Amino acid sequence: QVRLVESGGGLVQPGGSLRLSCAASGFTFSRYFMRWYRQAPGKERELVAGITSAGWRTNVPDSVKGRFTISRNNALNTVYLQMNSLKPEDTAVYYCNAYNTPAQDYWGQGTQVTVSS
């Protein structure tokens, strides 16, 4: 059974940091392209970071450039999102996605990140 379980979200003050984790099971993690998305209330889901199976990071949107970094540990079947200098507009539910083919496209349940003073 495929599972993606996100953790690490929570409430943080502006300027703070959080590290999200996504633990994967039920598929060959090392072969998958991993991504983090986020969705704020009333907005569409937005891609914030991606990393290939080989560890190459994809381009990120300007809104998070220089602040968010994705990484992966294939030995632990885990992908991370390090988020620094957080802003109130980063408030959203953050989702982990694993993609190999259109039929092998999996999502986690999401973790809430709230940036507020």
PDB file of N, CA and C in Angstrom:
ATOM      1  N   GLN A   1       0.843  -1.184   0.000  1.00  0.00           N
ATOM      2  CA  GLN A   1       0.000   0.000   0.000  1.00  0.00           C
ATOM      3  C   GLN A   1       0.882   1.238   0.000  1.00  0.00           C
ATOM      4  N   VAL A   2       0.604   2.132  -0.946  1.00  0.00           N
ATOM      5  CA  VAL A   2       1.374   3.366  -1.054  1.00  0.00           C
ATOM      6  C   VAL A   2       0.971   4.330   0.053  1.00  0.00           C
ATOM      7  N   ARG A   3       1.971   4.875   0.701  1.00  0.00           N
ATOM      8  CA  ARG A   3       1.714   5.889   1.723  1.00  0.00           C
ATOM      9  C   ARG A   3       2.753   7.000   1.618  1.00  0.00           C
ATOM     10  N   LEU A   4       2.263   8.230   1.755  1.00  0.00           N
ATOM     11  CA  LEU A   4       3.113   9.406   1.906  1.00  0.00           C
ATOM     12  C   LEU A   4       2.600  10.139   3.137  1.00  0.00           C
ATOM     13  N   VAL A   5       3.453  10.265   4.132  1.00  0.00           N
ATOM     14  CA  VAL A   5       3.038  10.863   5.389  1.00  0.00           C
ATOM     15  C   VAL A   5       3.900  12.094   5.669  1.00  0.00           C
ATOM     16  N   GLU A   6       3.257  13.253   5.600  1.00  0.00           N
ATOM     17  CA  GLU A   6       3.956  14.505   5.877  1.00  0.00           C
ATOM     18  C   GLU A   6       3.946  14.804   7.369  1.00  0.00           C
ATOM     19  N   SER A   7       4.989  15.473   7.815  1.00  0.00           N
ATOM     20  CA  SER A   7       5.067  15.921   9.201  1.00  0.00           C
ATOM     21  C   SER A   7       5.938  17.163   9.266  1.00  0.00           C
ATOM     22  N   GLY A   8       5.900  17.834  10.415  1.00  0.00           N
ATOM     23  CA  GLY A   8       6.760  18.987  10.622  1.00  0.00           C
ATOM     24  C   GLY A   8       6.079  20.325  10.508  1.00  0.00           C
ATOM     25  N   GLY A   9       4.804  20.322  10.124  1.00  0.00           N
ATOM     26  CA  GLY A   9       4.094  21.584  10.035  1.00  0.00           C
ATOM     27  C   GLY A   9       3.761  22.129  11.409  1.00  0.00           C
ATOM     28  N   GLY A  10       3.226  23.337  11.421  1.00  0.00           N
ATOM     29  CA  GLY A  10       2.846  23.949  12.682  1.00  0.00           C
ATOM     30  C   GLY A  10       2.752  25.444  12.573  1.00  0.00           C
ATOM     31  N   LEU A  11       2.722  26.089  13.719  1.00  0.00           N
ATOM     32  CA  LEU A  11       2.642  27.547  13.806  1.00  0.00           C
ATOM     33  C   LEU A  11       4.040  28.107  14.048  1.00  0.00           C
ATOM     34  N   VAL A  12       4.413  29.092  13.239  1.00  0.00           N
ATOM     35  CA  VAL A  12       5.733  29.704  13.370  1.00  0.00           C
ATOM     36  C   VAL A  12       5.586  31.209  13.157  1.00  0.00           C
ATOM     37  N   GLN A  13       6.439  31.971  13.801  1.00  0.00           N
ATOM     38  CA  GLN A  13       6.405  33.422  13.632  1.00  0.00           C
ATOM     39  C   GLN A  13       7.076  33.820  12.319  1.00  0.00           C
ATOM     40  N   PRO A  14       6.689  34.960  11.778  1.00  0.00           N
ATOM     41  CA  PRO A  14       7.379  35.452  10.576  1.00  0.00           C
ATOM     42  C   PRO A  14       8.880  35.531  10.799  1.00  0.00           C
ATOM     43  N   GLY A  15       9.635  35.095   9.785  1.00  0.00           N
ATOM     44  CA  GLY A  15      11.079  35.045   9.892  1.00  0.00           C
ATOM     45  C   GLY A  15      11.620  33.732  10.416  1.00  0.00           C
ATOM     46  N   GLY A  16      10.727  32.890  10.898  1.00  0.00           N
ATOM     47  CA  GLY A  16      11.145  31.613  11.446  1.00  0.00           C
ATOM     48  C   GLY A  16      11.361  30.547  10.385  1.00  0.00           C
ATOM     49  N   SER A  17      11.679  29.355  10.856  1.00  0.00           N
ATOM     50  CA  SER A  17      11.972  28.234   9.962  1.00  0.00           C
ATOM     51  C   SER A  17      11.180  27.002  10.379  1.00  0.00           C
ATOM     52  N   LEU A  18      10.927  26.172   9.400  1.00  0.00           N
ATOM     53  CA  LEU A  18      10.345  24.852   9.630  1.00  0.00           C
ATOM     54  C   LEU A  18      10.988  23.876   8.658  1.00  0.00           C
ATOM     55  N   ARG A  19      11.034  22.621   9.062  1.00  0.00           N
ATOM     56  CA  ARG A  19      11.489  21.567   8.165  1.00  0.00           C
ATOM     57  C   ARG A  19      10.390  20.524   8.058  1.00  0.00           C
ATOM     58  N   LEU A  20       9.842  20.399   6.875  1.00  0.00           N
ATOM     59  CA  LEU A  20       8.822  19.393   6.622  1.00  0.00           C
ATOM     60  C   LEU A  20       9.493  18.102   6.176  1.00  0.00           C
ATOM     61  N   SER A  21       8.872  16.995   6.567  1.00  0.00           N
ATOM     62  CA  SER A  21       9.331  15.679   6.143  1.00  0.00           C
ATOM     63  C   SER A  21       8.181  14.935   5.498  1.00  0.00           C
ATOM     64  N   CYS A  22       8.508  14.064   4.574  1.00  0.00           N
ATOM     65  CA  CYS A  22       7.512  13.210   3.935  1.00  0.00           C
ATOM     66  C   CYS A  22       8.104  11.812   3.864  1.00  0.00           C
ATOM     67  N   ALA A  23       7.535  10.915   4.656  1.00  0.00           N
ATOM     68  CA  ALA A  23       8.000   9.538   4.692  1.00  0.00           C
ATOM     69  C   ALA A  23       7.175   8.704   3.718  1.00  0.00           C
ATOM     70  N   ALA A  24       7.864   8.000   2.838  1.00  0.00           N
ATOM     71  CA  ALA A  24       7.209   7.238   1.783  1.00  0.00           C
ATOM     72  C   ALA A  24       7.330   5.742   2.035  1.00  0.00           C
ATOM     73  N   SER A  25       6.320   5.009   1.614  1.00  0.00           N
ATOM     74  CA  SER A  25       6.359   3.554   1.696  1.00  0.00           C
ATOM     75  C   SER A  25       5.432   2.972   0.644  1.00  0.00           C
ATOM     76  N   GLY A  26       5.669   1.720   0.293  1.00  0.00           N
ATOM     77  CA  GLY A  26       4.791   1.033  -0.635  1.00  0.00           C
ATOM     78  C   GLY A  26       5.170   1.149  -2.099  1.00  0.00           C
ATOM     79  N   PHE A  27       6.272   1.830  -2.375  1.00  0.00           N
ATOM     80  CA  PHE A  27       6.753   1.937  -3.758  1.00  0.00           C
ATOM     81  C   PHE A  27       8.265   2.179  -3.716  1.00  0.00           C
ATOM     82  N   THR A  28       8.899   2.098  -4.867  1.00  0.00           N
ATOM     83  CA  THR A  28      10.353   2.247  -4.945  1.00  0.00           C
ATOM     84  C   THR A  28      10.696   3.727  -4.970  1.00  0.00           C
ATOM     85  N   PHE A  29      10.867   4.268  -3.794  1.00  0.00           N
ATOM     86  CA  PHE A  29      11.036   5.709  -3.612  1.00  0.00           C
ATOM     87  C   PHE A  29      12.154   6.275  -4.477  1.00  0.00           C
ATOM     88  N   SER A  30      13.264   5.572  -4.577  1.00  0.00           N
ATOM     89  CA  SER A  30      14.445   6.114  -5.257  1.00  0.00           C
ATOM     90  C   SER A  30      14.212   6.353  -6.741  1.00  0.00           C
ATOM     91  N   ARG A  31      13.171   5.781  -7.314  1.00  0.00           N
ATOM     92  CA  ARG A  31      12.888   5.946  -8.736  1.00  0.00           C
ATOM     93  C   ARG A  31      11.957   7.113  -9.030  1.00  0.00           C
ATOM     94  N   TYR A  32      11.435   7.712  -8.006  1.00  0.00           N
ATOM     95  CA  TYR A  32      10.374   8.700  -8.180  1.00  0.00           C
ATOM     96  C   TYR A  32      10.892  10.130  -8.100  1.00  0.00           C
ATOM     97  N   PHE A  33      10.272  10.964  -8.911  1.00  0.00           N
ATOM     98  CA  PHE A  33      10.420  12.399  -8.851  1.00  0.00           C
ATOM     99  C   PHE A  33       9.553  12.876  -7.687  1.00  0.00           C
ATOM    100  N   MET A  34      10.115  13.609  -6.762  1.00  0.00           N
ATOM    101  CA  MET A  34       9.400  14.049  -5.569  1.00  0.00           C
ATOM    102  C   MET A  34       9.189  15.555  -5.618  1.00  0.00           C
ATOM    103  N   ARG A  35       8.006  15.965  -5.200  1.00  0.00           N
ATOM    104  CA  ARG A  35       7.672  17.390  -5.220  1.00  0.00           C
ATOM    105  C   ARG A  35       6.924  17.776  -3.958  1.00  0.00           C
ATOM    106  N   TRP A  36       7.036  19.040  -3.619  1.00  0.00           N
ATOM    107  CA  TRP A  36       6.218  19.655  -2.584  1.00  0.00           C
ATOM    108  C   TRP A  36       5.311  20.695  -3.251  1.00  0.00           C
ATOM    109  N   TYR A  37       4.042  20.640  -2.889  1.00  0.00           N
ATOM    110  CA  TYR A  37       3.064  21.623  -3.311  1.00  0.00           C
ATOM    111  C   TYR A  37       2.485  22.273  -2.059  1.00  0.00           C
ATOM    112  N   ARG A  38       1.816  23.387  -2.285  1.00  0.00           N
ATOM    113  CA  ARG A  38       1.068  23.990  -1.192  1.00  0.00           C
ATOM    114  C   ARG A  38      -0.240  24.553  -1.734  1.00  0.00           C
ATOM    115  N   GLN A  39      -1.201  24.654  -0.826  1.00  0.00           N
ATOM    116  CA  GLN A  39      -2.496  25.236  -1.199  1.00  0.00           C
ATOM    117  C   GLN A  39      -2.993  26.091  -0.050  1.00  0.00           C
ATOM    118  N   ALA A  40      -3.137  27.365  -0.342  1.00  0.00           N
ATOM    119  CA  ALA A  40      -3.687  28.303   0.625  1.00  0.00           C
ATOM    120  C   ALA A  40      -5.196  28.388   0.433  1.00  0.00           C
ATOM    121  N   PRO A  41      -5.932  28.804   1.458  1.00  0.00           N
ATOM    122  CA  PRO A  41      -7.390  28.895   1.341  1.00  0.00           C
ATOM    123  C   PRO A  41      -7.794  29.785   0.167  1.00  0.00           C
ATOM    124  N   GLY A  42      -8.676  29.259  -0.660  1.00  0.00           N
ATOM    125  CA  GLY A  42      -9.177  30.026  -1.786  1.00  0.00           C
ATOM    126  C   GLY A  42      -8.240  30.125  -2.966  1.00  0.00           C
ATOM    127  N   LYS A  43      -7.118  29.423  -2.901  1.00  0.00           N
ATOM    128  CA  LYS A  43      -6.142  29.489  -3.991  1.00  0.00           C
ATOM    129  C   LYS A  43      -5.908  28.102  -4.576  1.00  0.00           C
ATOM    130  N   GLU A  44      -5.338  28.092  -5.792  1.00  0.00           N
ATOM    131  CA  GLU A  44      -5.013  26.823  -6.420  1.00  0.00           C
ATOM    132  C   GLU A  44      -3.749  26.227  -5.806  1.00  0.00           C
ATOM    133  N   ARG A  45      -3.631  24.931  -5.958  1.00  0.00           N
ATOM    134  CA  ARG A  45      -2.429  24.259  -5.485  1.00  0.00           C
ATOM    135  C   ARG A  45      -1.224  24.739  -6.291  1.00  0.00           C
ATOM    136  N   GLU A  46      -0.138  25.010  -5.592  1.00  0.00           N
ATOM    137  CA  GLU A  46       1.058  25.597  -6.198  1.00  0.00           C
ATOM    138  C   GLU A  46       2.269  24.710  -5.948  1.00  0.00           C
ATOM    139  N   LEU A  47       3.045  24.456  -7.005  1.00  0.00           N
ATOM    140  CA  LEU A  47       4.287  23.719  -6.859  1.00  0.00           C
ATOM    141  C   LEU A  47       5.332  24.639  -6.227  1.00  0.00           C
ATOM    142  N   VAL A  48       5.998  24.153  -5.175  1.00  0.00           N
ATOM    143  CA  VAL A  48       7.025  24.971  -4.534  1.00  0.00           C
ATOM    144  C   VAL A  48       8.425  24.405  -4.657  1.00  0.00           C
ATOM    145  N   ALA A  49       8.556  23.103  -4.900  1.00  0.00           N
ATOM    146  CA  ALA A  49       9.892  22.524  -5.025  1.00  0.00           C
ATOM    147  C   ALA A  49       9.802  21.124  -5.610  1.00  0.00           C
ATOM    148  N   GLY A  50      10.839  20.738  -6.347  1.00  0.00           N
ATOM    149  CA  GLY A  50      10.892  19.398  -6.901  1.00  0.00           C
ATOM    150  C   GLY A  50      12.312  18.884  -6.906  1.00  0.00           C
ATOM    151  N   ILE A  51      12.447  17.554  -6.851  1.00  0.00           N
ATOM    152  CA  ILE A  51      13.773  16.941  -6.880  1.00  0.00           C
ATOM    153  C   ILE A  51      13.673  15.624  -7.629  1.00  0.00           C
ATOM    154  N   THR A  52      14.600  15.426  -8.555  1.00  0.00           N
ATOM    155  CA  THR A  52      14.563  14.217  -9.365  1.00  0.00           C
ATOM    156  C   THR A  52      15.053  13.019  -8.559  1.00  0.00           C
ATOM    157  N   SER A  53      14.903  11.850  -9.154  1.00  0.00           N
ATOM    158  CA  SER A  53      15.369  10.632  -8.496  1.00  0.00           C
ATOM    159  C   SER A  53      16.880  10.677  -8.258  1.00  0.00           C
ATOM    160  N   ALA A  54      17.583  11.396  -9.114  1.00  0.00           N
ATOM    161  CA  ALA A  54      19.041  11.499  -8.986  1.00  0.00           C
ATOM    162  C   ALA A  54      19.472  12.618  -8.045  1.00  0.00           C
ATOM    163  N   GLY A  55      18.514  13.371  -7.556  1.00  0.00           N
ATOM    164  CA  GLY A  55      18.848  14.424  -6.598  1.00  0.00           C
ATOM    165  C   GLY A  55      18.989  15.811  -7.190  1.00  0.00           C
ATOM    166  N   TRP A  56      18.632  15.986  -8.463  1.00  0.00           N
ATOM    167  CA  TRP A  56      18.691  17.322  -9.073  1.00  0.00           C
ATOM    168  C   TRP A  56      17.447  18.104  -8.679  1.00  0.00           C
ATOM    169  N   ARG A  57      17.677  19.332  -8.235  1.00  0.00           N
ATOM    170  CA  ARG A  57      16.556  20.180  -7.856  1.00  0.00           C
ATOM    171  C   ARG A  57      16.029  20.923  -9.079  1.00  0.00           C
ATOM    172  N   THR A  58      14.731  21.014  -9.183  1.00  0.00           N
ATOM    173  CA  THR A  58      14.124  21.757 -10.274  1.00  0.00           C
ATOM    174  C   THR A  58      13.988  23.229  -9.897  1.00  0.00           C
ATOM    175  N   ASN A  59      13.638  24.021 -10.891  1.00  0.00           N
ATOM    176  CA  ASN A  59      13.428  25.440 -10.602  1.00  0.00           C
ATOM    177  C   ASN A  59      12.277  25.612  -9.616  1.00  0.00           C
ATOM    178  N   VAL A  60      12.367  26.653  -8.837  1.00  0.00           N
ATOM    179  CA  VAL A  60      11.318  26.945  -7.862  1.00  0.00           C
ATOM    180  C   VAL A  60      10.700  28.297  -8.193  1.00  0.00           C
ATOM    181  N   PRO A  61       9.477  28.534  -7.736  1.00  0.00           N
ATOM    182  CA  PRO A  61       8.860  29.831  -8.018  1.00  0.00           C
ATOM    183  C   PRO A  61       9.574  30.957  -7.289  1.00  0.00           C
ATOM    184  N   ASP A  62       9.486  32.131  -7.849  1.00  0.00           N
ATOM    185  CA  ASP A  62      10.147  33.290  -7.249  1.00  0.00           C
ATOM    186  C   ASP A  62       9.691  33.522  -5.808  1.00  0.00           C
ATOM    187  N   SER A  63       8.466  33.126  -5.518  1.00  0.00           N
ATOM    188  CA  SER A  63       7.918  33.377  -4.185  1.00  0.00           C
ATOM    189  C   SER A  63       8.686  32.653  -3.081  1.00  0.00           C
ATOM    190  N   VAL A  64       9.387  31.586  -3.411  1.00  0.00           N
ATOM    191  CA  VAL A  64      10.124  30.824  -2.397  1.00  0.00           C
ATOM    192  C   VAL A  64      11.618  30.733  -2.687  1.00  0.00           C
ATOM    193  N   LYS A  65      12.040  31.291  -3.793  1.00  0.00           N
ATOM    194  CA  LYS A  65      13.442  31.191  -4.198  1.00  0.00           C
ATOM    195  C   LYS A  65      14.358  31.774  -3.131  1.00  0.00           C
ATOM    196  N   GLY A  66      15.402  31.026  -2.805  1.00  0.00           N
ATOM    197  CA  GLY A  66      16.351  31.476  -1.797  1.00  0.00           C
ATOM    198  C   GLY A  66      15.917  31.198  -0.367  1.00  0.00           C
ATOM    199  N   ARG A  67      14.684  30.736  -0.187  1.00  0.00           N
ATOM    200  CA  ARG A  67      14.179  30.468   1.172  1.00  0.00           C
ATOM    201  C   ARG A  67      13.839  29.005   1.404  1.00  0.00           C
ATOM    202  N   PHE A  68      13.356  28.315   0.380  1.00  0.00           N
ATOM    203  CA  PHE A  68      12.937  26.916   0.508  1.00  0.00           C
ATOM    204  C   PHE A  68      13.942  26.025  -0.224  1.00  0.00           C
ATOM    205  N   THR A  69      14.265  24.893   0.409  1.00  0.00           N
ATOM    206  CA  THR A  69      15.174  23.934  -0.203  1.00  0.00           C
ATOM    207  C   THR A  69      14.632  22.526  -0.017  1.00  0.00           C
ATOM    208  N   ILE A  70      14.557  21.806  -1.107  1.00  0.00           N
ATOM    209  CA  ILE A  70      14.106  20.422  -1.067  1.00  0.00           C
ATOM    210  C   ILE A  70      15.329  19.507  -1.060  1.00  0.00           C
ATOM    211  N   SER A  71      15.208  18.395  -0.344  1.00  0.00           N
ATOM    212  CA  SER A  71      16.261  17.388  -0.340  1.00  0.00           C
ATOM    213  C   SER A  71      15.618  16.021  -0.146  1.00  0.00           C
ATOM    214  N   ARG A  72      16.393  14.992  -0.367  1.00  0.00           N
ATOM    215  CA  ARG A  72      15.853  13.642  -0.214  1.00  0.00           C
ATOM    216  C   ARG A  72      16.926  12.722   0.334  1.00  0.00           C
ATOM    217  N   ASN A  73      16.461  11.691   1.038  1.00  0.00           N
ATOM    218  CA  ASN A  73      17.325  10.636   1.530  1.00  0.00           C
ATOM    219  C   ASN A  73      16.727   9.326   1.051  1.00  0.00           C
ATOM    220  N   ASN A  74      17.295   8.779   0.008  1.00  0.00           N
ATOM    221  CA  ASN A  74      16.730   7.562  -0.573  1.00  0.00           C
ATOM    222  C   ASN A  74      16.878   6.362   0.361  1.00  0.00           C
ATOM    223  N   ALA A  75      17.858   6.389   1.216  1.00  0.00           N
ATOM    224  CA  ALA A  75      18.029   5.289   2.176  1.00  0.00           C
ATOM    225  C   ALA A  75      16.912   5.279   3.220  1.00  0.00           C
ATOM    226  N   LEU A  76      16.369   6.461   3.494  1.00  0.00           N
ATOM    227  CA  LEU A  76      15.288   6.578   4.484  1.00  0.00           C
ATOM    228  C   LEU A  76      13.918   6.745   3.837  1.00  0.00           C
ATOM    229  N   ASN A  77      13.891   6.745   2.500  1.00  0.00           N
ATOM    230  CA  ASN A  77      12.612   6.926   1.779  1.00  0.00           C
ATOM    231  C   ASN A  77      11.892   8.189   2.229  1.00  0.00           C
ATOM    232  N   THR A  78      12.654   9.255   2.355  1.00  0.00           N
ATOM    233  CA  THR A  78      12.098  10.497   2.888  1.00  0.00           C
ATOM    234  C   THR A  78      12.548  11.689   2.053  1.00  0.00           C
ATOM    235  N   VAL A  79      11.617  12.612   1.852  1.00  0.00           N
ATOM    236  CA  VAL A  79      11.924  13.878   1.204  1.00  0.00           C
ATOM    237  C   VAL A  79      11.634  14.992   2.203  1.00  0.00           C
ATOM    238  N   TYR A  80      12.438  16.035   2.130  1.00  0.00           N
ATOM    239  CA  TYR A  80      12.343  17.135   3.090  1.00  0.00           C
ATOM    240  C   TYR A  80      12.107  18.458   2.371  1.00  0.00           C
ATOM    241  N   LEU A  81      11.546  19.396   3.112  1.00  0.00           N
ATOM    242  CA  LEU A  81      11.452  20.769   2.627  1.00  0.00           C
ATOM    243  C   LEU A  81      11.890  21.680   3.769  1.00  0.00           C
ATOM    244  N   GLN A  82      13.055  22.265   3.600  1.00  0.00           N
ATOM    245  CA  GLN A  82      13.550  23.230   4.569  1.00  0.00           C
ATOM    246  C   GLN A  82      13.027  24.603   4.183  1.00  0.00           C
ATOM    247  N   MET A  83      12.326  25.241   5.094  1.00  0.00           N
ATOM    248  CA  MET A  83      11.703  26.534   4.823  1.00  0.00           C
ATOM    249  C   MET A  83      12.252  27.562   5.807  1.00  0.00           C
ATOM    250  N   ASN A  84      12.922  28.556   5.277  1.00  0.00           N
ATOM    251  CA  ASN A  84      13.511  29.610   6.094  1.00  0.00           C
ATOM    252  C   ASN A  84      12.861  30.948   5.772  1.00  0.00           C
ATOM    253  N   SER A  85      13.084  31.895   6.654  1.00  0.00           N
ATOM    254  CA  SER A  85      12.559  33.257   6.460  1.00  0.00           C
ATOM    255  C   SER A  85      11.085  33.225   6.081  1.00  0.00           C
ATOM    256  N   LEU A  86      10.328  32.489   6.845  1.00  0.00           N
ATOM    257  CA  LEU A  86       8.920  32.302   6.517  1.00  0.00           C
ATOM    258  C   LEU A  86       8.138  33.604   6.622  1.00  0.00           C
ATOM    259  N   LYS A  87       7.154  33.708   5.732  1.00  0.00           N
ATOM    260  CA  LYS A  87       6.304  34.888   5.650  1.00  0.00           C
ATOM    261  C   LYS A  87       4.846  34.481   5.855  1.00  0.00           C
ATOM    262  N   PRO A  88       4.006  35.419   6.262  1.00  0.00           N
ATOM    263  CA  PRO A  88       2.578  35.067   6.415  1.00  0.00           C
ATOM    264  C   PRO A  88       1.978  34.484   5.136  1.00  0.00           C
ATOM    265  N   GLU A  89       2.443  34.921   3.988  1.00  0.00           N
ATOM    266  CA  GLU A  89       1.896  34.400   2.740  1.00  0.00           C
ATOM    267  C   GLU A  89       2.344  32.973   2.433  1.00  0.00           C
ATOM    268  N   ASP A  90       3.222  32.427   3.248  1.00  0.00           N
ATOM    269  CA  ASP A  90       3.580  31.006   3.118  1.00  0.00           C
ATOM    270  C   ASP A  90       2.565  30.100   3.815  1.00  0.00           C
ATOM    271  N   THR A  91       1.631  30.687   4.516  1.00  0.00           N
ATOM    272  CA  THR A  91       0.606  29.910   5.198  1.00  0.00           C
ATOM    273  C   THR A  91      -0.203  29.106   4.205  1.00  0.00           C
ATOM    274  N   ALA A  92      -0.249  27.797   4.411  1.00  0.00           N
ATOM    275  CA  ALA A  92      -0.927  26.894   3.476  1.00  0.00           C
ATOM    276  C   ALA A  92      -0.859  25.479   4.026  1.00  0.00           C
ATOM    277  N   VAL A  93      -1.590  24.602   3.376  1.00  0.00           N
ATOM    278  CA  VAL A  93      -1.391  23.169   3.587  1.00  0.00           C
ATOM    279  C   VAL A  93      -0.342  22.713   2.579  1.00  0.00           C
ATOM    280  N   TYR A  94       0.676  22.034   3.075  1.00  0.00           N
ATOM    281  CA  TYR A  94       1.773  21.569   2.232  1.00  0.00           C
ATOM    282  C   TYR A  94       1.621  20.073   1.976  1.00  0.00           C
ATOM    283  N   TYR A  95       1.716  19.721   0.699  1.00  0.00           N
ATOM    284  CA  TYR A  95       1.511  18.346   0.258  1.00  0.00           C
ATOM    285  C   TYR A  95       2.778  17.789  -0.387  1.00  0.00           C
ATOM    286  N   CYS A  96       3.014  16.544  -0.110  1.00  0.00           N
ATOM    287  CA  CYS A  96       4.093  15.793  -0.731  1.00  0.00           C
ATOM    288  C   CYS A  96       3.513  15.012  -1.918  1.00  0.00           C
ATOM    289  N   ASN A  97       4.253  14.983  -3.011  1.00  0.00           N
ATOM    290  CA  ASN A  97       3.824  14.256  -4.210  1.00  0.00           C
ATOM    291  C   ASN A  97       4.975  13.394  -4.719  1.00  0.00           C
ATOM    292  N   ALA A  98       4.630  12.172  -5.096  1.00  0.00           N
ATOM    293  CA  ALA A  98       5.590  11.255  -5.717  1.00  0.00           C
ATOM    294  C   ALA A  98       5.087  10.938  -7.117  1.00  0.00           C
ATOM    295  N   TYR A  99       5.958  11.151  -8.110  1.00  0.00           N
ATOM    296  CA  TYR A  99       5.533  10.942  -9.488  1.00  0.00           C
ATOM    297  C   TYR A  99       6.549  10.097 -10.244  1.00  0.00           C
ATOM    298  N   ASN A 100       6.014   9.078 -10.937  1.00  0.00           N
ATOM    299  CA  ASN A 100       6.856   8.275 -11.829  1.00  0.00           C
ATOM    300  C   ASN A 100       6.228   8.224 -13.220  1.00  0.00           C
ATOM    301  N   THR A 101       4.958   7.875 -13.291  1.00  0.00           N
ATOM    302  CA  THR A 101       4.177   7.872 -14.520  1.00  0.00           C
ATOM    303  C   THR A 101       2.796   8.417 -14.174  1.00  0.00           C
ATOM    304  N   PRO A 102       1.968   8.727 -15.172  1.00  0.00           N
ATOM    305  CA  PRO A 102       0.616   9.196 -14.830  1.00  0.00           C
ATOM    306  C   PRO A 102      -0.170   8.227 -13.954  1.00  0.00           C
ATOM    307  N   ALA A 103       0.133   6.943 -14.084  1.00  0.00           N
ATOM    308  CA  ALA A 103      -0.564   5.954 -13.252  1.00  0.00           C
ATOM    309  C   ALA A 103       0.109   5.764 -11.897  1.00  0.00           C
ATOM    310  N   GLN A 104       1.269   6.344 -11.735  1.00  0.00           N
ATOM    311  CA  GLN A 104       2.019   6.244 -10.478  1.00  0.00           C
ATOM    312  C   GLN A 104       2.290   7.664  -9.985  1.00  0.00           C
ATOM    313  N   ASP A 105       1.237   8.278  -9.514  1.00  0.00           N
ATOM    314  CA  ASP A 105       1.239   9.673  -9.098  1.00  0.00           C
ATOM    315  C   ASP A 105       0.528   9.715  -7.750  1.00  0.00           C
ATOM    316  N   TYR A 106       1.314   9.877  -6.654  1.00  0.00           N
ATOM    317  CA  TYR A 106       0.760   9.697  -5.322  1.00  0.00           C
ATOM    318  C   TYR A 106       0.873  10.972  -4.505  1.00  0.00           C
ATOM    319  N   TRP A 107      -0.096  11.131  -3.582  1.00  0.00           N
ATOM    320  CA  TRP A 107      -0.160  12.331  -2.750  1.00  0.00           C
ATOM    321  C   TRP A 107      -0.270  11.970  -1.278  1.00  0.00           C
ATOM    322  N   GLY A 108       0.311  12.815  -0.450  1.00  0.00           N
ATOM    323  CA  GLY A 108       0.114  12.703   0.971  1.00  0.00           C
ATOM    324  C   GLY A 108      -1.139  13.438   1.402  1.00  0.00           C
ATOM    325  N   GLN A 109      -1.409  13.410   2.708  1.00  0.00           N
ATOM    326  CA  GLN A 109      -2.629  14.022   3.230  1.00  0.00           C
ATOM    327  C   GLN A 109      -2.450  15.506   3.536  1.00  0.00           C
ATOM    328  N   GLY A 110      -1.211  15.955   3.548  1.00  0.00           N
ATOM    329  CA  GLY A 110      -0.933  17.367   3.789  1.00  0.00           C
ATOM    330  C   GLY A 110      -0.612  17.676   5.240  1.00  0.00           C
ATOM    331  N   THR A 111       0.146  18.750   5.413  1.00  0.00           N
ATOM    332  CA  THR A 111       0.459  19.244   6.752  1.00  0.00           C
ATOM    333  C   THR A 111       0.297  20.760   6.755  1.00  0.00           C
ATOM    334  N   GLN A 112      -0.336  21.274   7.780  1.00  0.00           N
ATOM    335  CA  GLN A 112      -0.636  22.710   7.846  1.00  0.00           C
ATOM    336  C   GLN A 112       0.574  23.490   8.329  1.00  0.00           C
ATOM    337  N   VAL A 113       0.882  24.549   7.600  1.00  0.00           N
ATOM    338  CA  VAL A 113       1.898  25.512   8.019  1.00  0.00           C
ATOM    339  C   VAL A 113       1.217  26.858   8.171  1.00  0.00           C
ATOM    340  N   THR A 114       1.353  27.429   9.347  1.00  0.00           N
ATOM    341  CA  THR A 114       0.763  28.738   9.624  1.00  0.00           C
ATOM    342  C   THR A 114       1.867  29.671  10.095  1.00  0.00           C
ATOM    343  N   VAL A 115       2.005  30.786   9.388  1.00  0.00           N
ATOM    344  CA  VAL A 115       3.020  31.782   9.727  1.00  0.00           C
ATOM    345  C   VAL A 115       2.288  33.020  10.234  1.00  0.00           C
ATOM    346  N   SER A 116       2.435  33.260  11.520  1.00  0.00           N
ATOM    347  CA  SER A 116       1.694  34.356  12.137  1.00  0.00           C
ATOM    348  C   SER A 116       2.370  34.772  13.431  1.00  0.00           C
ATOM    349  N   SER A 117       2.247  36.051  13.739  1.00  0.00           N
ATOM    350  CA  SER A 117       2.764  36.537  15.008  1.00  0.00           C
ATOM    351  C   SER A 117       1.674  36.541  16.067  1.00  0.00           C
TER     352      SER A 117
END
